[in-house]
């Protein structure tokens, strides 16, 4: 993509797990990282910025366990939340050089995903954990508002709907994609999406009924919530598990995925040959991926 070409920054000894563009600052990115492939050791949150010279490190925050996901606040341009291998969530203020403002420790196993809702008027955060639960948080409240139970395996991904307030999706090792409503205790919809662990999901930015899942079976599948009997599309090409998938903020049918096969792939599911491009810049597992809201084509 554009945005001044590709930039690279090496973080010695750290493995990146998630990367998210700031909703406020063009070219600013947060990365959640862990030592030793997240198996042991510490974690680091880094805030990066791309300028004319390349990618520079603005801020770095250490935590005593691996960091697996990160999300930017939707109401304060300096605030971020990370999720950690010790089951806790950390709230950070990138304007301050100190440790976390707040730590929420409720999950009993790895907190693998965290996402801040885009719903105006209410600040809601959802987390997903290896303890098989998702939790709802208001960052201003010291404890979770609600716990969502039902998955029979690890939750790898929890993502808010960009369209429907209070609605989020979760992807799990139990091979299902589930849709939840924060106003209702039970699950709204269970989709047996793959015959393999599902590591990632995302919502289409232009169709409130369309989601994509990415799984250990190397496939991406599109799901229409009004008819879940079979997928709307299946995208094949990755050769190892798909670690993360994101729909484009600019095109209804465009998406990007990254994988343990070291590649990032771009797809247009409306085309007869949907694979647009395979990017082989990385020399290791590619775990994190995001598409800029500010710079079209910047990934």
Protein backbone atom coordinates (compact mmCIF):
# COMPACT_ATOMS: atom_id res chain seq x y z
CA UNK A 1 0.00 0.00 0.00
CA UNK A 2 0.84 3.70 -0.07
CA UNK A 3 1.53 5.96 2.89
CA UNK A 4 5.19 6.47 2.05
CA UNK A 5 6.19 2.86 1.40
CA UNK A 6 7.07 0.17 3.89
CA UNK A 7 8.89 0.99 7.10
CA UNK A 8 10.54 -1.45 9.47
CA UNK A 9 11.52 -1.26 13.12
CA UNK A 10 13.21 -4.07 14.99
CA UNK A 11 12.40 -4.74 18.66
CA UNK A 12 15.15 -7.15 19.75
CA UNK A 13 13.98 -10.00 21.96
CA UNK A 14 10.28 -9.12 21.57
CA UNK A 15 7.66 -10.86 19.48
CA UNK A 16 4.74 -8.73 18.32
CA UNK A 17 1.28 -10.13 18.94
CA UNK A 18 -1.04 -7.29 18.01
CA UNK A 19 -0.76 -3.95 16.27
CA UNK A 20 -3.39 -1.20 16.14
CA UNK A 21 -3.43 2.17 14.41
CA UNK A 22 -4.47 5.12 16.54
CA UNK A 23 -7.97 6.37 15.71
CA UNK A 24 -6.66 9.90 16.32
CA UNK A 25 -3.10 10.24 15.05
CA UNK A 26 -2.31 9.29 11.43
CA UNK A 27 0.80 7.11 11.34
CA UNK A 28 0.73 6.31 15.06
CA UNK A 29 0.62 2.65 16.00
CA UNK A 30 0.55 0.62 19.23
CA UNK A 31 2.11 -2.83 19.39
CA UNK A 32 1.62 -5.44 22.12
CA UNK A 33 4.65 -7.69 22.43
CA UNK A 34 6.04 -10.51 24.53
CA UNK A 35 9.42 -12.15 25.15
CA UNK A 36 10.12 -15.78 24.26
CA UNK A 37 7.06 -16.19 22.03
CA UNK A 38 4.78 -15.39 24.96
CA UNK A 39 5.61 -18.66 26.73
CA UNK A 40 7.53 -16.99 29.56
CA UNK A 41 9.06 -13.66 30.41
CA UNK A 42 7.79 -10.13 30.23
CA UNK A 43 5.71 -8.00 27.90
CA UNK A 44 6.09 -4.58 26.35
CA UNK A 45 3.65 -2.08 24.91
CA UNK A 46 5.31 0.15 22.32
CA UNK A 47 3.85 3.24 20.68
CA UNK A 48 5.38 3.91 17.27
CA UNK A 49 5.08 6.68 14.73
CA UNK A 50 5.86 6.72 11.06
CA UNK A 51 7.47 9.91 9.82
CA UNK A 52 9.58 10.91 6.79
CA UNK A 53 12.62 8.99 8.05
CA UNK A 54 10.82 5.75 8.91
CA UNK A 55 9.28 4.30 12.06
CA UNK A 56 10.33 5.81 15.40
CA UNK A 57 9.68 4.58 18.93
CA UNK A 58 7.67 7.18 20.86
CA UNK A 59 6.97 5.28 24.07
CA UNK A 60 7.62 1.92 25.63
CA UNK A 61 5.90 0.39 28.70
CA UNK A 62 6.91 -2.87 30.36
CA UNK A 63 4.67 -5.39 32.08
CA UNK A 64 5.72 -8.47 34.05
CA UNK A 65 3.92 -10.88 31.71
CA UNK A 66 3.47 -11.15 27.95
CA UNK A 67 1.09 -8.70 26.25
CA UNK A 68 -1.15 -10.31 23.65
CA UNK A 69 -3.52 -7.58 22.47
CA UNK A 70 -3.93 -3.81 22.54
CA UNK A 71 -6.78 -1.38 21.85
CA UNK A 72 -6.86 2.43 21.71
CA UNK A 73 -9.37 4.41 23.73
CA UNK A 74 -12.18 5.90 21.70
CA UNK A 75 -12.50 8.92 24.05
CA UNK A 76 -8.91 9.90 24.90
CA UNK A 77 -6.16 9.94 22.29
CA UNK A 78 -3.44 8.98 24.79
CA UNK A 79 -5.11 6.03 26.51
CA UNK A 80 -4.64 2.37 25.59
CA UNK A 81 -5.60 -0.96 27.11
CA UNK A 82 -3.52 -4.12 26.83
CA UNK A 83 -4.35 -7.71 27.76
CA UNK A 84 -1.81 -10.00 29.33
CA UNK A 85 -0.73 -13.58 29.91
CA UNK A 86 -1.43 -13.21 33.63
CA UNK A 87 -5.15 -12.68 32.90
CA UNK A 88 -5.07 -8.95 33.60
CA UNK A 89 -5.92 -5.84 31.58
CA UNK A 90 -3.73 -2.74 31.86
CA UNK A 91 -4.82 0.82 31.15
CA UNK A 92 -1.93 3.03 30.00
CA UNK A 93 -1.57 6.76 29.40
CA UNK A 94 0.92 7.27 26.58
CA UNK A 95 1.33 10.92 27.63
CA UNK A 96 2.89 9.71 30.90
CA UNK A 97 6.11 7.72 31.14
CA UNK A 98 4.99 5.69 34.16
CA UNK A 99 3.35 2.30 34.59
CA UNK A 100 -0.34 1.53 34.10
CA UNK A 101 -3.04 3.87 35.41
CA UNK A 102 -5.13 0.84 36.31
CA UNK A 103 -4.88 -2.95 36.31
CA UNK A 104 -7.97 -5.16 36.14
CA UNK A 105 -7.30 -8.73 37.22
CA UNK A 106 -10.33 -10.99 36.92
CA UNK A 107 -9.62 -13.51 34.16
CA UNK A 108 -8.08 -16.67 35.60
CA UNK A 109 -5.99 -17.47 32.52
CA UNK A 110 -4.37 -15.58 29.64
CA UNK A 111 -6.33 -12.54 28.50
CA UNK A 112 -5.84 -12.94 24.79
CA UNK A 113 -7.98 -10.16 23.35
CA UNK A 114 -9.28 -6.71 24.21
CA UNK A 115 -11.36 -4.26 22.15
CA UNK A 116 -12.78 -0.78 22.86
CA UNK A 117 -16.26 -0.20 21.45
CA UNK A 118 -16.89 2.47 18.82
CA UNK A 119 -20.35 3.22 20.15
CA UNK A 120 -20.64 6.93 20.90
CA UNK A 121 -22.05 7.83 24.29
CA UNK A 122 -20.90 4.76 26.19
CA UNK A 123 -17.37 3.56 26.86
CA UNK A 124 -17.37 -0.22 26.75
CA UNK A 125 -14.42 -2.60 26.56
CA UNK A 126 -14.64 -6.34 25.93
CA UNK A 127 -11.93 -8.87 26.80
CA UNK A 128 -11.61 -12.53 25.89
CA UNK A 129 -9.59 -15.15 27.74
CA UNK A 130 -8.25 -18.67 27.75
CA UNK A 131 -10.55 -19.14 30.78
CA UNK A 132 -13.34 -19.47 28.15
CA UNK A 133 -15.09 -16.26 29.22
CA UNK A 134 -15.50 -12.80 27.77
CA UNK A 135 -15.85 -9.86 30.14
CA UNK A 136 -17.45 -6.45 29.70
CA UNK A 137 -15.75 -3.41 31.26
CA UNK A 138 -16.33 0.27 31.69
CA UNK A 139 -12.78 1.63 32.08
CA UNK A 140 -14.06 4.10 34.70
CA UNK A 141 -15.34 1.23 36.88
CA UNK A 142 -12.89 -0.90 38.83
CA UNK A 143 -14.51 -4.26 38.14
CA UNK A 144 -16.16 -5.98 35.19
CA UNK A 145 -19.80 -5.20 34.47
CA UNK A 146 -20.63 -8.65 33.17
CA UNK A 147 -19.10 -12.05 32.31
CA UNK A 148 -20.17 -13.97 29.20
CA UNK A 149 -20.02 -17.76 29.47
CA UNK A 150 -20.81 -20.35 26.84
CA UNK A 151 -17.67 -21.05 24.86
CA UNK A 152 -16.26 -24.53 25.44
CA UNK A 153 -12.72 -23.57 24.50
CA UNK A 154 -10.20 -20.77 24.66
CA UNK A 155 -11.46 -17.38 23.40
CA UNK A 156 -8.91 -15.95 20.98
CA UNK A 157 -10.73 -12.88 19.68
CA UNK A 158 -13.48 -10.50 20.84
CA UNK A 159 -14.51 -7.72 18.45
CA UNK A 160 -17.24 -5.09 18.77
CA UNK A 161 -19.71 -4.56 15.96
CA UNK A 162 -19.02 -1.22 14.27
CA UNK A 163 -22.77 -0.94 13.55
CA UNK A 164 -24.85 -2.38 16.37
CA UNK A 165 -24.35 -0.80 19.83
CA UNK A 166 -23.56 -3.32 22.56
CA UNK A 167 -23.01 -6.21 20.15
CA UNK A 168 -19.73 -8.13 19.90
CA UNK A 169 -18.42 -11.30 18.29
CA UNK A 170 -16.07 -13.88 19.78
CA UNK A 171 -13.95 -16.55 18.08
CA UNK A 172 -12.84 -19.63 19.96
CA UNK A 173 -10.87 -22.84 20.04
CA UNK A 174 -14.25 -24.59 20.33
CA UNK A 175 -14.59 -24.01 16.55
CA UNK A 176 -17.47 -21.54 16.91
CA UNK A 177 -18.05 -17.88 16.20
CA UNK A 178 -20.52 -16.40 18.69
CA UNK A 179 -22.51 -13.18 18.67
CA UNK A 180 -23.38 -11.53 21.99
CA UNK A 181 -25.51 -8.62 23.16
CA UNK A 182 -24.41 -6.84 26.35
CA UNK A 183 -28.05 -6.29 27.32
CA UNK A 184 -28.76 -10.04 27.30
CA UNK A 185 -26.94 -12.60 29.47
CA UNK A 186 -26.88 -15.55 27.05
CA UNK A 187 -25.36 -15.93 23.60
CA UNK A 188 -27.40 -14.53 20.73
CA UNK A 189 -26.03 -16.72 17.96
CA UNK A 190 -23.64 -19.70 17.72
CA UNK A 191 -22.04 -20.32 14.33
CA UNK A 192 -20.08 -23.59 13.89
CA UNK A 193 -17.78 -21.77 11.49
CA UNK A 194 -14.83 -24.16 11.05
CA UNK A 195 -13.78 -27.69 11.92
CA UNK A 196 -10.71 -26.20 13.56
CA UNK A 197 -9.77 -23.60 16.17
CA UNK A 198 -10.82 -20.08 15.14
CA UNK A 199 -8.11 -17.57 16.01
CA UNK A 200 -9.60 -14.37 14.60
CA UNK A 201 -12.79 -12.66 13.46
CA UNK A 202 -13.83 -9.23 12.23
CA UNK A 203 -16.93 -7.33 11.19
CA UNK A 204 -17.45 -5.84 7.75
CA UNK A 205 -17.43 -2.06 8.00
CA UNK A 206 -20.21 -1.72 5.40
CA UNK A 207 -22.62 -4.56 6.21
CA UNK A 208 -23.85 -5.12 9.76
CA UNK A 209 -24.68 -8.77 9.02
CA UNK A 210 -21.29 -9.79 7.59
CA UNK A 211 -18.33 -11.19 9.54
CA UNK A 212 -15.16 -13.03 8.60
CA UNK A 213 -13.39 -15.79 10.54
CA UNK A 214 -9.82 -17.05 10.20
CA UNK A 215 -8.82 -20.46 11.51
CA UNK A 216 -6.17 -23.10 12.05
CA UNK A 217 -7.52 -24.88 8.92
CA UNK A 218 -5.82 -22.07 6.88
CA UNK A 219 -9.16 -20.78 5.57
CA UNK A 220 -11.04 -17.51 5.85
CA UNK A 221 -14.83 -17.72 5.81
CA UNK A 222 -17.48 -15.04 5.47
CA UNK A 223 -20.71 -15.31 7.48
CA UNK A 224 -24.08 -13.63 6.93
CA UNK A 225 -25.86 -13.53 10.29
CA UNK A 226 -29.25 -13.89 8.57
CA UNK A 227 -28.29 -17.28 7.12
CA UNK A 228 -25.54 -19.14 8.94
CA UNK A 229 -26.04 -22.53 7.29
CA UNK A 230 -23.14 -22.02 4.94
CA UNK A 231 -20.46 -19.36 4.48
CA UNK A 232 -20.95 -16.52 1.99
CA UNK A 233 -17.34 -16.95 0.88
CA UNK A 234 -14.33 -19.18 1.57
CA UNK A 235 -10.82 -17.86 0.88
CA UNK A 236 -8.00 -20.38 0.51
CA UNK A 237 -4.28 -19.75 0.06
CA UNK A 238 -2.61 -19.51 3.45
CA UNK A 239 -0.48 -22.57 4.24
CA UNK A 240 -0.55 -22.35 8.06
CA UNK A 241 -3.03 -21.12 10.66
CA UNK A 242 -4.50 -17.65 10.12
CA UNK A 243 -3.65 -15.49 13.11
CA UNK A 244 -5.58 -12.30 12.36
CA UNK A 245 -8.06 -10.98 9.81
CA UNK A 246 -9.39 -7.45 9.28
CA UNK A 247 -11.90 -5.95 6.88
CA UNK A 248 -10.87 -2.81 5.03
CA UNK A 249 -12.18 0.50 6.39
CA UNK A 250 -12.52 1.77 2.81
CA UNK A 251 -13.84 -1.13 0.70
CA UNK A 252 -16.83 -3.34 1.52
CA UNK A 253 -15.34 -6.48 -0.06
CA UNK A 254 -11.64 -6.06 0.74
CA UNK A 255 -9.87 -7.75 3.64
CA UNK A 256 -6.39 -8.55 4.89
CA UNK A 257 -5.10 -11.57 6.81
CA UNK A 258 -1.83 -12.67 8.35
CA UNK A 259 -0.63 -16.11 9.26
CA UNK A 260 1.90 -18.43 10.84
CA UNK A 261 3.02 -18.96 7.22
CA UNK A 262 4.89 -15.59 7.59
CA UNK A 263 2.69 -13.87 4.97
CA UNK A 264 0.15 -11.07 4.85
CA UNK A 265 -2.52 -11.54 2.18
CA UNK A 266 -5.02 -9.14 0.66
CA UNK A 267 -8.33 -10.41 -0.67
CA UNK A 268 -11.41 -9.15 -2.51
CA UNK A 269 -14.12 -11.73 -1.90
CA UNK A 270 -16.30 -10.30 -4.70
CA UNK A 271 -13.77 -11.32 -7.38
CA UNK A 272 -13.52 -14.72 -9.09
CA UNK A 273 -9.83 -14.80 -8.13
CA UNK A 274 -10.08 -13.23 -4.68
CA UNK A 275 -6.38 -13.28 -3.68
CA UNK A 276 -5.07 -9.83 -4.68
CA UNK A 277 -1.59 -9.92 -3.21
CA UNK A 278 0.70 -11.95 -0.96
CA UNK A 279 3.28 -9.95 1.00
CA UNK A 280 6.32 -11.84 2.31
CA UNK A 281 8.13 -9.14 4.30
CA UNK A 282 8.30 -11.05 7.59
CA UNK A 283 10.69 -13.88 8.45
CA UNK A 284 8.65 -15.24 11.37
CA UNK A 285 5.03 -15.83 12.47
CA UNK A 286 2.92 -12.83 11.49
CA UNK A 287 0.54 -12.25 14.39
CA UNK A 288 -0.67 -8.66 14.26
CA UNK A 289 -2.26 -6.62 11.48
CA UNK A 290 -4.20 -3.40 11.13
CA UNK A 291 -5.42 -1.09 8.37
CA UNK A 292 -5.20 2.66 8.77
CA UNK A 293 -8.39 4.71 8.98
CA UNK A 294 -6.45 7.82 7.92
CA UNK A 295 -4.16 6.70 5.10
CA UNK A 296 -5.94 4.61 2.50
CA UNK A 297 -3.79 1.62 1.64
CA UNK A 298 -1.56 1.88 4.71
CA UNK A 299 -1.27 -1.41 6.63
